[in-house]
C-alpha atoms as a PDB file:
ATOM      1  CA  UNK A   1       6.047  32.912  51.969  1.00  0.00           C
ATOM      2  CA  UNK A   2       2.986  33.117  54.201  1.00  0.00           C
ATOM      3  CA  UNK A   3       0.838  30.180  55.323  1.00  0.00           C
ATOM      4  CA  UNK A   4      -2.575  30.292  56.970  1.00  0.00           C
ATOM      5  CA  UNK A   5      -3.167  27.696  59.675  1.00  0.00           C
ATOM      6  CA  UNK A   6      -6.832  26.845  60.105  1.00  0.00           C
ATOM      7  CA  UNK A   7      -9.023  23.962  61.177  1.00  0.00           C
ATOM      8  CA  UNK A   8     -12.438  22.389  60.831  1.00  0.00           C
ATOM      9  CA  UNK A   9     -14.072  21.667  64.208  1.00  0.00           C
ATOM     10  CA  UNK A  10     -15.147  18.172  63.101  1.00  0.00           C
ATOM     11  CA  UNK A  11     -11.717  17.194  61.797  1.00  0.00           C
ATOM     12  CA  UNK A  12      -9.293  17.637  64.668  1.00  0.00           C
ATOM     13  CA  UNK A  13      -6.361  16.270  62.719  1.00  0.00           C
ATOM     14  CA  UNK A  14      -6.688  18.564  59.687  1.00  0.00           C
ATOM     15  CA  UNK A  15      -4.709  21.774  59.838  1.00  0.00           C
ATOM     16  CA  UNK A  16      -5.271  23.597  56.565  1.00  0.00           C
ATOM     17  CA  UNK A  17      -2.746  26.107  55.271  1.00  0.00           C
ATOM     18  CA  UNK A  18      -2.963  28.447  52.306  1.00  0.00           C
ATOM     19  CA  UNK A  19      -0.088  30.061  50.480  1.00  0.00           C
ATOM     20  CA  UNK A  20      -1.484  33.583  50.426  1.00  0.00           C
ATOM     21  CA  UNK A  21       0.588  35.223  47.724  1.00  0.00           C
ATOM     22  CA  UNK A  22      -0.607  32.988  44.885  1.00  0.00           C
ATOM     23  CA  UNK A  23      -3.589  31.155  46.399  1.00  0.00           C
ATOM     24  CA  UNK A  24      -1.983  27.756  45.821  1.00  0.00           C
ATOM     25  CA  UNK A  25      -2.586  24.870  48.206  1.00  0.00           C
ATOM     26  CA  UNK A  26       0.036  22.294  49.073  1.00  0.00           C
ATOM     27  CA  UNK A  27      -0.218  18.893  50.736  1.00  0.00           C
ATOM     28  CA  UNK A  28       2.172  17.970  53.510  1.00  0.00           C
ATOM     29  CA  UNK A  29       1.973  16.209  56.842  1.00  0.00           C
ATOM     30  CA  UNK A  30       4.008  15.851  59.990  1.00  0.00           C
ATOM     31  CA  UNK A  31       3.863  13.268  62.723  1.00  0.00           C
ATOM     32  CA  UNK A  32       3.470  13.771  66.413  1.00  0.00           C
ATOM     33  CA  UNK A  33       5.937  11.591  68.223  1.00  0.00           C
ATOM     34  CA  UNK A  34       4.664   8.351  69.718  1.00  0.00           C
ATOM     35  CA  UNK A  35       6.622   6.477  72.366  1.00  0.00           C
ATOM     36  CA  UNK A  36       8.256   3.071  72.175  1.00  0.00           C
ATOM     37  CA  UNK A  37       7.189   0.552  74.780  1.00  0.00           C
ATOM     38  CA  UNK A  38      10.610   0.532  76.427  1.00  0.00           C
ATOM     39  CA  UNK A  39      11.492   4.097  77.412  1.00  0.00           C
ATOM     40  CA  UNK A  40      12.186   6.322  80.390  1.00  0.00           C
ATOM     41  CA  UNK A  41      11.916   9.988  81.305  1.00  0.00           C
ATOM     42  CA  UNK A  42      15.416  10.722  80.029  1.00  0.00           C
ATOM     43  CA  UNK A  43      14.211   9.987  76.509  1.00  0.00           C
ATOM     44  CA  UNK A  44      11.792  12.909  76.529  1.00  0.00           C
ATOM     45  CA  UNK A  45      13.849  15.900  77.452  1.00  0.00           C
ATOM     46  CA  UNK A  46      15.060  17.825  80.482  1.00  0.00           C
ATOM     47  CA  UNK A  47      13.781  21.382  80.862  1.00  0.00           C
ATOM     48  CA  UNK A  48      15.064  24.026  83.235  1.00  0.00           C
ATOM     49  CA  UNK A  49      12.804  26.991  83.946  1.00  0.00           C
ATOM     50  CA  UNK A  50      14.034  30.362  85.152  1.00  0.00           C
ATOM     51  CA  UNK A  51      10.824  32.045  86.243  1.00  0.00           C
ATOM     52  CA  UNK A  52       8.901  33.862  88.968  1.00  0.00           C
ATOM     53  CA  UNK A  53       9.447  36.588  91.520  1.00  0.00           C
ATOM     54  CA  UNK A  54       7.595  37.467  94.700  1.00  0.00           C
ATOM     55  CA  UNK A  55       5.152  39.488  92.607  1.00  0.00           C
ATOM     56  CA  UNK A  56       4.563  36.704  90.084  1.00  0.00           C
ATOM     57  CA  UNK A  57       5.181  33.548  92.073  1.00  0.00           C
ATOM     58  CA  UNK A  58       3.087  31.179  89.989  1.00  0.00           C
ATOM     59  CA  UNK A  59       4.349  32.119  86.524  1.00  0.00           C
ATOM     60  CA  UNK A  60       6.751  29.202  86.786  1.00  0.00           C
ATOM     61  CA  UNK A  61       3.987  26.945  88.065  1.00  0.00           C
ATOM     62  CA  UNK A  62       2.040  27.455  84.845  1.00  0.00           C
ATOM     63  CA  UNK A  63       5.088  26.876  82.645  1.00  0.00           C
ATOM     64  CA  UNK A  64       6.113  23.750  84.530  1.00  0.00           C
ATOM     65  CA  UNK A  65       2.663  22.184  84.632  1.00  0.00           C
ATOM     66  CA  UNK A  66       2.098  22.793  80.930  1.00  0.00           C
ATOM     67  CA  UNK A  67       5.500  21.357  79.996  1.00  0.00           C
ATOM     68  CA  UNK A  68       4.787  18.221  82.015  1.00  0.00           C
ATOM     69  CA  UNK A  69       1.292  17.755  80.639  1.00  0.00           C
ATOM     70  CA  UNK A  70       2.683  18.161  77.117  1.00  0.00           C
ATOM     71  CA  UNK A  71       5.136  15.316  77.681  1.00  0.00           C
ATOM     72  CA  UNK A  72       8.537  16.611  78.824  1.00  0.00           C
ATOM     73  CA  UNK A  73      10.446  14.000  80.804  1.00  0.00           C
ATOM     74  CA  UNK A  74      11.797  16.239  83.575  1.00  0.00           C
ATOM     75  CA  UNK A  75      11.284  19.821  84.722  1.00  0.00           C
ATOM     76  CA  UNK A  76      13.758  21.633  86.963  1.00  0.00           C
ATOM     77  CA  UNK A  77      12.631  25.011  88.269  1.00  0.00           C
ATOM     78  CA  UNK A  78      15.365  27.428  89.306  1.00  0.00           C
ATOM     79  CA  UNK A  79      14.022  29.705  92.040  1.00  0.00           C
ATOM     80  CA  UNK A  80      15.298  31.769  94.946  1.00  0.00           C
ATOM     81  CA  UNK A  81      14.834  30.327  98.450  1.00  0.00           C
ATOM     82  CA  UNK A  82      12.170  32.872  99.416  1.00  0.00           C
ATOM     83  CA  UNK A  83      10.052  31.839  96.432  1.00  0.00           C
ATOM     84  CA  UNK A  84      10.671  28.120  96.898  1.00  0.00           C
ATOM     85  CA  UNK A  85       8.751  28.103 100.130  1.00  0.00           C
ATOM     86  CA  UNK A  86       5.713  29.414  98.269  1.00  0.00           C
ATOM     87  CA  UNK A  87       5.845  27.052  95.287  1.00  0.00           C
ATOM     88  CA  UNK A  88       7.016  23.630  96.409  1.00  0.00           C
ATOM     89  CA  UNK A  89       3.489  22.271  96.833  1.00  0.00           C
ATOM     90  CA  UNK A  90       1.998  23.694  93.642  1.00  0.00           C
ATOM     91  CA  UNK A  91       3.736  21.402  91.161  1.00  0.00           C
ATOM     92  CA  UNK A  92       4.471  18.026  92.765  1.00  0.00           C
ATOM     93  CA  UNK A  93       6.222  16.495  89.728  1.00  0.00           C
ATOM     94  CA  UNK A  94       8.764  19.316  89.459  1.00  0.00           C
ATOM     95  CA  UNK A  95      12.245  19.315  90.964  1.00  0.00           C
ATOM     96  CA  UNK A  96      13.713  22.561  92.254  1.00  0.00           C
ATOM     97  CA  UNK A  97      17.096  24.220  92.190  1.00  0.00           C
ATOM     98  CA  UNK A  98      18.337  27.135  94.277  1.00  0.00           C
ATOM     99  CA  UNK A  99      18.980  29.929  91.786  1.00  0.00           C
ATOM    100  CA  UNK A 100      21.848  31.250  93.903  1.00  0.00           C
ATOM    101  CA  UNK A 101      23.762  27.962  93.606  1.00  0.00           C
ATOM    102  CA  UNK A 102      25.886  28.914  90.611  1.00  0.00           C
ATOM    103  CA  UNK A 103      27.810  25.643  90.527  1.00  0.00           C
ATOM    104  CA  UNK A 104      24.592  23.614  90.406  1.00  0.00           C
ATOM    105  CA  UNK A 105      23.129  25.839  87.694  1.00  0.00           C
ATOM    106  CA  UNK A 106      26.293  25.518  85.619  1.00  0.00           C
ATOM    107  CA  UNK A 107      26.274  21.733  85.963  1.00  0.00           C
ATOM    108  CA  UNK A 108      22.652  21.552  84.847  1.00  0.00           C
ATOM    109  CA  UNK A 109      23.239  23.833  81.869  1.00  0.00           C
ATOM    110  CA  UNK A 110      26.308  21.977  80.655  1.00  0.00           C
ATOM    111  CA  UNK A 111      25.487  18.367  81.524  1.00  0.00           C
ATOM    112  CA  UNK A 112      21.774  17.848  82.134  1.00  0.00           C
ATOM    113  CA  UNK A 113      19.187  19.952  80.335  1.00  0.00           C
ATOM    114  CA  UNK A 114      18.420  20.175  76.630  1.00  0.00           C
ATOM    115  CA  UNK A 115      15.969  23.078  76.738  1.00  0.00           C
ATOM    116  CA  UNK A 116      15.687  26.310  78.761  1.00  0.00           C
ATOM    117  CA  UNK A 117      12.609  28.496  79.314  1.00  0.00           C
ATOM    118  CA  UNK A 118      13.474  31.950  80.588  1.00  0.00           C
ATOM    119  CA  UNK A 119      11.879  35.128  81.855  1.00  0.00           C
ATOM    120  CA  UNK A 120       8.300  34.465  82.958  1.00  0.00           C
ATOM    121  CA  UNK A 121       7.471  36.699  85.923  1.00  0.00           C
ATOM    122  CA  UNK A 122      11.110  37.445  86.764  1.00  0.00           C
ATOM    123  CA  UNK A 123      10.834  41.223  86.604  1.00  0.00           C
ATOM    124  CA  UNK A 124      12.641  43.690  84.375  1.00  0.00           C
ATOM    125  CA  UNK A 125      15.785  43.981  86.478  1.00  0.00           C
ATOM    126  CA  UNK A 126      19.545  43.988  86.129  1.00  0.00           C
ATOM    127  CA  UNK A 127      19.605  40.553  87.731  1.00  0.00           C
ATOM    128  CA  UNK A 128      17.239  39.218  85.072  1.00  0.00           C
ATOM    129  CA  UNK A 129      19.559  40.582  82.388  1.00  0.00           C
ATOM    130  CA  UNK A 130      22.728  39.240  84.000  1.00  0.00           C
ATOM    131  CA  UNK A 131      21.262  35.773  84.568  1.00  0.00           C
ATOM    132  CA  UNK A 132      20.180  35.507  80.936  1.00  0.00           C
ATOM    133  CA  UNK A 133      23.608  36.641  79.800  1.00  0.00           C
ATOM    134  CA  UNK A 134      25.218  33.986  82.006  1.00  0.00           C
ATOM    135  CA  UNK A 135      22.940  31.277  80.624  1.00  0.00           C
ATOM    136  CA  UNK A 136      23.663  32.219  77.023  1.00  0.00           C
ATOM    137  CA  UNK A 137      27.408  32.182  77.698  1.00  0.00           C
ATOM    138  CA  UNK A 138      27.389  28.782  79.387  1.00  0.00           C
ATOM    139  CA  UNK A 139      24.617  26.862  77.642  1.00  0.00           C
ATOM    140  CA  UNK A 140      24.730  26.043  73.949  1.00  0.00           C
ATOM    141  CA  UNK A 141      21.280  24.524  73.401  1.00  0.00           C
ATOM    142  CA  UNK A 142      17.874  25.983  72.509  1.00  0.00           C
ATOM    143  CA  UNK A 143      16.077  28.483  74.704  1.00  0.00           C
ATOM    144  CA  UNK A 144      12.555  29.900  74.766  1.00  0.00           C
ATOM    145  CA  UNK A 145      12.486  33.498  75.997  1.00  0.00           C
ATOM    146  CA  UNK A 146       9.272  35.120  77.166  1.00  0.00           C
ATOM    147  CA  UNK A 147       7.928  38.027  79.209  1.00  0.00           C
ATOM    148  CA  UNK A 148      10.644  39.803  81.240  1.00  0.00           C
ATOM    149  CA  UNK A 149      13.278  37.773  79.431  1.00  0.00           C
ATOM    150  CA  UNK A 150      12.169  39.622  76.304  1.00  0.00           C
ATOM    151  CA  UNK A 151      11.952  42.939  78.140  1.00  0.00           C
ATOM    152  CA  UNK A 152      15.653  42.860  79.075  1.00  0.00           C
ATOM    153  CA  UNK A 153      16.949  41.812  75.661  1.00  0.00           C
ATOM    154  CA  UNK A 154      19.374  44.049  73.805  1.00  0.00           C
ATOM    155  CA  UNK A 155      21.380  43.518  70.583  1.00  0.00           C
ATOM    156  CA  UNK A 156      24.285  41.691  72.304  1.00  0.00           C
ATOM    157  CA  UNK A 157      21.927  39.189  73.922  1.00  0.00           C
ATOM    158  CA  UNK A 158      19.924  38.812  70.734  1.00  0.00           C
ATOM    159  CA  UNK A 159      23.087  37.949  68.825  1.00  0.00           C
ATOM    160  CA  UNK A 160      23.820  35.214  71.373  1.00  0.00           C
ATOM    161  CA  UNK A 161      20.382  33.734  70.641  1.00  0.00           C
ATOM    162  CA  UNK A 162      21.190  33.314  66.967  1.00  0.00           C
ATOM    163  CA  UNK A 163      20.148  29.928  65.622  1.00  0.00           C
ATOM    164  CA  UNK A 164      18.744  28.648  68.931  1.00  0.00           C
ATOM    165  CA  UNK A 165      16.239  31.137  70.274  1.00  0.00           C
ATOM    166  CA  UNK A 166      12.445  31.192  70.288  1.00  0.00           C
ATOM    167  CA  UNK A 167      10.896  34.493  71.364  1.00  0.00           C
ATOM    168  CA  UNK A 168       7.202  34.739  72.254  1.00  0.00           C
ATOM    169  CA  UNK A 169       6.387  38.459  72.537  1.00  0.00           C
ATOM    170  CA  UNK A 170       3.041  40.163  72.384  1.00  0.00           C
ATOM    171  CA  UNK A 171       2.899  43.398  70.411  1.00  0.00           C
ATOM    172  CA  UNK A 172       3.789  45.700  73.324  1.00  0.00           C
ATOM    173  CA  UNK A 173       6.849  43.603  74.200  1.00  0.00           C
ATOM    174  CA  UNK A 174       7.962  43.649  70.568  1.00  0.00           C
ATOM    175  CA  UNK A 175       7.385  47.399  70.494  1.00  0.00           C
ATOM    176  CA  UNK A 176       9.797  47.917  73.373  1.00  0.00           C
ATOM    177  CA  UNK A 177      12.315  45.578  71.812  1.00  0.00           C
ATOM    178  CA  UNK A 178      12.506  47.111  68.342  1.00  0.00           C
ATOM    179  CA  UNK A 179      11.677  50.711  69.283  1.00  0.00           C
ATOM    180  CA  UNK A 180       8.586  50.948  67.125  1.00  0.00           C
ATOM    181  CA  UNK A 181       5.164  52.037  68.301  1.00  0.00           C
ATOM    182  CA  UNK A 182       2.387  49.525  68.764  1.00  0.00           C
ATOM    183  CA  UNK A 183       0.489  51.333  66.001  1.00  0.00           C
ATOM    184  CA  UNK A 184       3.381  50.925  63.562  1.00  0.00           C
ATOM    185  CA  UNK A 185       3.636  47.211  64.301  1.00  0.00           C
ATOM    186  CA  UNK A 186      -0.105  46.640  63.982  1.00  0.00           C
ATOM    187  CA  UNK A 187      -0.037  48.192  60.521  1.00  0.00           C
ATOM    188  CA  UNK A 188       2.574  45.728  59.266  1.00  0.00           C
ATOM    189  CA  UNK A 189       2.597  42.755  61.644  1.00  0.00           C
ATOM    190  CA  UNK A 190       3.823  40.087  59.251  1.00  0.00           C
ATOM    191  CA  UNK A 191       6.720  41.999  57.708  1.00  0.00           C
ATOM    192  CA  UNK A 192       7.958  43.436  60.996  1.00  0.00           C
ATOM    193  CA  UNK A 193       7.929  40.042  62.706  1.00  0.00           C
ATOM    194  CA  UNK A 194       9.620  38.464  59.698  1.00  0.00           C
ATOM    195  CA  UNK A 195      12.323  41.131  59.461  1.00  0.00           C
ATOM    196  CA  UNK A 196      13.103  40.905  63.168  1.00  0.00           C
ATOM    197  CA  UNK A 197      13.360  37.105  63.053  1.00  0.00           C
ATOM    198  CA  UNK A 198      15.572  37.249  59.979  1.00  0.00           C
ATOM    199  CA  UNK A 199      17.862  39.908  61.432  1.00  0.00           C
ATOM    200  CA  UNK A 200      18.765  37.798  64.458  1.00  0.00           C
ATOM    201  CA  UNK A 201      18.132  34.319  62.991  1.00  0.00           C
ATOM    202  CA  UNK A 202      15.618  33.406  65.665  1.00  0.00           C
ATOM    203  CA  UNK A 203      12.065  32.062  65.745  1.00  0.00           C
ATOM    204  CA  UNK A 204       9.424  34.651  66.607  1.00  0.00           C
ATOM    205  CA  UNK A 205       5.928  33.856  67.864  1.00  0.00           C
ATOM    206  CA  UNK A 206       4.114  37.181  67.833  1.00  0.00           C
ATOM    207  CA  UNK A 207       1.158  36.500  70.106  1.00  0.00           C
ATOM    208  CA  UNK A 208      -2.331  37.853  69.630  1.00  0.00           C
ATOM    209  CA  UNK A 209      -5.352  37.356  67.413  1.00  0.00           C
ATOM    210  CA  UNK A 210      -4.062  35.066  64.648  1.00  0.00           C
ATOM    211  CA  UNK A 211      -0.571  34.752  66.145  1.00  0.00           C
ATOM    212  CA  UNK A 212       2.299  35.009  63.691  1.00  0.00           C
ATOM    213  CA  UNK A 213       5.072  32.411  63.707  1.00  0.00           C
ATOM    214  CA  UNK A 214       8.137  33.042  61.562  1.00  0.00           C
ATOM    215  CA  UNK A 215      11.748  32.026  61.127  1.00  0.00           C
ATOM    216  CA  UNK A 216      12.476  35.136  59.063  1.00  0.00           C
ATOM    217  CA  UNK A 217      11.719  33.381  55.799  1.00  0.00           C
ATOM    218  CA  UNK A 218       8.457  31.469  56.139  1.00  0.00           C
ATOM    219  CA  UNK A 219       5.497  32.950  57.996  1.00  0.00           C
ATOM    220  CA  UNK A 220       2.587  31.040  59.538  1.00  0.00           C
ATOM    221  CA  UNK A 221      -0.596  32.768  60.677  1.00  0.00           C
ATOM    222  CA  UNK A 222      -2.382  30.720  63.300  1.00  0.00           C
ATOM    223  CA  UNK A 223      -6.113  30.155  62.988  1.00  0.00           C
ATOM    224  CA  UNK A 224      -6.838  28.721  66.436  1.00  0.00           C
ATOM    225  CA  UNK A 225      -7.603  30.459  69.694  1.00  0.00           C
ATOM    226  CA  UNK A 226     -10.382  32.759  70.854  1.00  0.00           C
ATOM    227  CA  UNK A 227     -10.948  35.929  72.905  1.00  0.00           C
ATOM    228  CA  UNK A 228     -12.003  33.945  75.969  1.00  0.00           C
ATOM    229  CA  UNK A 229      -8.338  32.967  76.343  1.00  0.00           C
ATOM    230  CA  UNK A 230      -7.379  36.569  77.087  1.00  0.00           C
ATOM    231  CA  UNK A 231      -6.403  35.849  80.693  1.00  0.00           C
ATOM    232  CA  UNK A 232      -3.223  36.564  82.650  1.00  0.00           C
ATOM    233  CA  UNK A 233      -0.810  33.627  82.537  1.00  0.00           C
ATOM    234  CA  UNK A 234      -1.923  32.306  79.152  1.00  0.00           C
ATOM    235  CA  UNK A 235       1.433  33.205  77.601  1.00  0.00           C
ATOM    236  CA  UNK A 236       3.218  31.214  80.297  1.00  0.00           C
ATOM    237  CA  UNK A 237       1.366  28.088  79.206  1.00  0.00           C
ATOM    238  CA  UNK A 238       2.308  28.667  75.566  1.00  0.00           C
ATOM    239  CA  UNK A 239       5.957  28.972  76.564  1.00  0.00           C
ATOM    240  CA  UNK A 240       5.735  25.737  78.542  1.00  0.00           C
ATOM    241  CA  UNK A 241       4.154  23.927  75.598  1.00  0.00           C
ATOM    242  CA  UNK A 242       6.722  25.086  73.030  1.00  0.00           C
ATOM    243  CA  UNK A 243       9.614  24.341  75.393  1.00  0.00           C
ATOM    244  CA  UNK A 244       8.207  20.881  76.098  1.00  0.00           C
ATOM    245  CA  UNK A 245       8.023  20.046  72.393  1.00  0.00           C
ATOM    246  CA  UNK A 246      11.578  21.239  71.795  1.00  0.00           C
ATOM    247  CA  UNK A 247      12.822  19.198  74.726  1.00  0.00           C
ATOM    248  CA  UNK A 248      11.150  16.112  73.256  1.00  0.00           C
ATOM    249  CA  UNK A 249      13.035  16.533  69.990  1.00  0.00           C
ATOM    250  CA  UNK A 250      10.976  18.746  67.724  1.00  0.00           C
ATOM    251  CA  UNK A 251      12.852  21.357  65.695  1.00  0.00           C
ATOM    252  CA  UNK A 252      12.480  24.899  67.009  1.00  0.00           C
ATOM    253  CA  UNK A 253      10.305  26.223  64.183  1.00  0.00           C
ATOM    254  CA  UNK A 254       8.216  23.067  64.117  1.00  0.00           C
ATOM    255  CA  UNK A 255       7.689  23.227  67.890  1.00  0.00           C
ATOM    256  CA  UNK A 256       6.644  26.873  67.671  1.00  0.00           C
ATOM    257  CA  UNK A 257       4.114  26.140  64.917  1.00  0.00           C
ATOM    258  CA  UNK A 258       2.677  23.003  66.510  1.00  0.00           C
ATOM    259  CA  UNK A 259       2.678  24.479  70.002  1.00  0.00           C
ATOM    260  CA  UNK A 260       0.879  27.653  68.960  1.00  0.00           C
ATOM    261  CA  UNK A 261      -1.710  25.704  67.001  1.00  0.00           C
ATOM    262  CA  UNK A 262      -2.371  23.123  69.735  1.00  0.00           C
ATOM    263  CA  UNK A 263      -2.507  25.790  72.437  1.00  0.00           C
ATOM    264  CA  UNK A 264      -5.243  27.648  70.582  1.00  0.00           C
ATOM    265  CA  UNK A 265      -7.013  24.456  69.587  1.00  0.00           C
ATOM    266  CA  UNK A 266      -7.230  23.326  73.207  1.00  0.00           C
ATOM    267  CA  UNK A 267      -8.673  26.728  74.062  1.00  0.00           C
ATOM    268  CA  UNK A 268     -11.240  26.417  71.297  1.00  0.00           C
ATOM    269  CA  UNK A 269     -12.366  23.021  72.544  1.00  0.00           C
ATOM    270  CA  UNK A 270     -12.741  24.324  76.092  1.00  0.00           C
ATOM    271  CA  UNK A 271     -14.620  27.454  75.005  1.00  0.00           C
ATOM    272  CA  UNK A 272     -17.415  25.272  73.643  1.00  0.00           C
ATOM    273  CA  UNK A 273     -18.472  24.510  77.195  1.00  0.00           C
ATOM    274  CA  UNK A 274     -16.664  27.035  79.416  1.00  0.00           C
ATOM    275  CA  UNK A 275     -16.045  30.768  79.198  1.00  0.00           C
ATOM    276  CA  UNK A 276     -13.630  32.306  80.041  1.00  0.00           C
ATOM    277  CA  UNK A 277     -10.832  29.832  79.353  1.00  0.00           C
ATOM    278  CA  UNK A 278      -8.168  29.858  82.064  1.00  0.00           C
ATOM    279  CA  UNK A 279      -4.501  28.868  81.675  1.00  0.00           C
ATOM    280  CA  UNK A 280      -5.120  25.974  84.052  1.00  0.00           C
ATOM    281  CA  UNK A 281      -7.908  24.807  81.746  1.00  0.00           C
ATOM    282  CA  UNK A 282      -5.443  24.642  78.836  1.00  0.00           C
ATOM    283  CA  UNK A 283      -2.983  22.701  80.981  1.00  0.00           C
ATOM    284  CA  UNK A 284      -5.651  20.138  81.867  1.00  0.00           C
ATOM    285  CA  UNK A 285      -6.846  19.847  78.258  1.00  0.00           C
ATOM    286  CA  UNK A 286      -3.559  19.586  76.358  1.00  0.00           C
ATOM    287  CA  UNK A 287      -2.905  15.940  77.217  1.00  0.00           C
ATOM    288  CA  UNK A 288      -6.294  14.945  75.832  1.00  0.00           C
ATOM    289  CA  UNK A 289      -5.658  16.896  72.630  1.00  0.00           C
ATOM    290  CA  UNK A 290      -2.291  15.195  72.201  1.00  0.00           C
ATOM    291  CA  UNK A 291      -3.814  11.775  72.873  1.00  0.00           C
ATOM    292  CA  UNK A 292      -6.446  12.378  70.217  1.00  0.00           C
ATOM    293  CA  UNK A 293      -3.834  13.357  67.646  1.00  0.00           C
ATOM    294  CA  UNK A 294      -1.315  10.648  68.489  1.00  0.00           C
ATOM    295  CA  UNK A 295      -3.954   7.928  68.571  1.00  0.00           C
ATOM    296  CA  UNK A 296      -5.400   8.980  65.202  1.00  0.00           C
ATOM    297  CA  UNK A 297      -2.740   7.097  63.251  1.00  0.00           C
ATOM    298  CA  UNK A 298      -0.122   9.355  64.844  1.00  0.00           C
ATOM    299  CA  UNK A 299      -0.532  11.714  61.926  1.00  0.00           C
ATOM    300  CA  UNK A 300      -2.290  14.919  61.033  1.00  0.00           C
ATOM    301  CA  UNK A 301      -2.220  17.090  57.940  1.00  0.00           C
ATOM    302  CA  UNK A 302      -0.585  20.407  58.479  1.00  0.00           C
ATOM    303  CA  UNK A 303      -1.485  21.544  54.966  1.00  0.00           C
ATOM    304  CA  UNK A 304      -4.284  19.909  53.023  1.00  0.00           C
ATOM    305  CA  UNK A 305      -6.249  20.791  49.932  1.00  0.00           C
END
């Protein structure tokens, strides 16, 4: 089952989807979550980010800022002390945790957080692999894995992600992961993404022109986004957005679909008056996009005839 996600620029709340194999249209709608008057940050999720290295210090900054602007209640960024000194003024709303403090990390994973984002800018190293393995052994909730988190995955780690993982690879990262050439994947994007997701029972967001989102059964092809978004760090913002939605209570597949669509839609709005579109532009825009959707009767049509 394959669905096409599209939009009309004058109808922000309409996301049209076509069932490709028989050209039938279906009506359905989902609601973006509004907030009760009496609430606090604990109601909207606690995210821990494992991101950044000296080479890619601000990968975590982009993830954290996007997650906050998309509505997560709390962001904790696990970083090494040498990186902390370079990041602690870039994201004022974020709290930090020393990544070498194993007892603190364990307490957060078992008692505090309800969503993990892993891998952005960490480097393809043995330490990156071992840390992910530790997290998966000691944390039972959902996790979004991106970038170097994907690059260190192997079958044992993938099996530990079963039923709770969202992977956001681009084609080259998927190529390394499944040992197929980029050319092979490009020739059969939908089926390869679907088969991989089904094999490990995970959600896959295969990034690129018309990103593919699949749970191994249903496939969505995103219709938002534009080439002016082809800028380093853009994937970090997508990870932050999807993780934020999961932390706030959206189901994994739903968060991946909505996050991918909204991420591209924000980029499309920005590209009308600014080119190129930077990751920081998306971060600044996403709150306005969410406000528009939530305030429009808190409802938009995901599929409409």
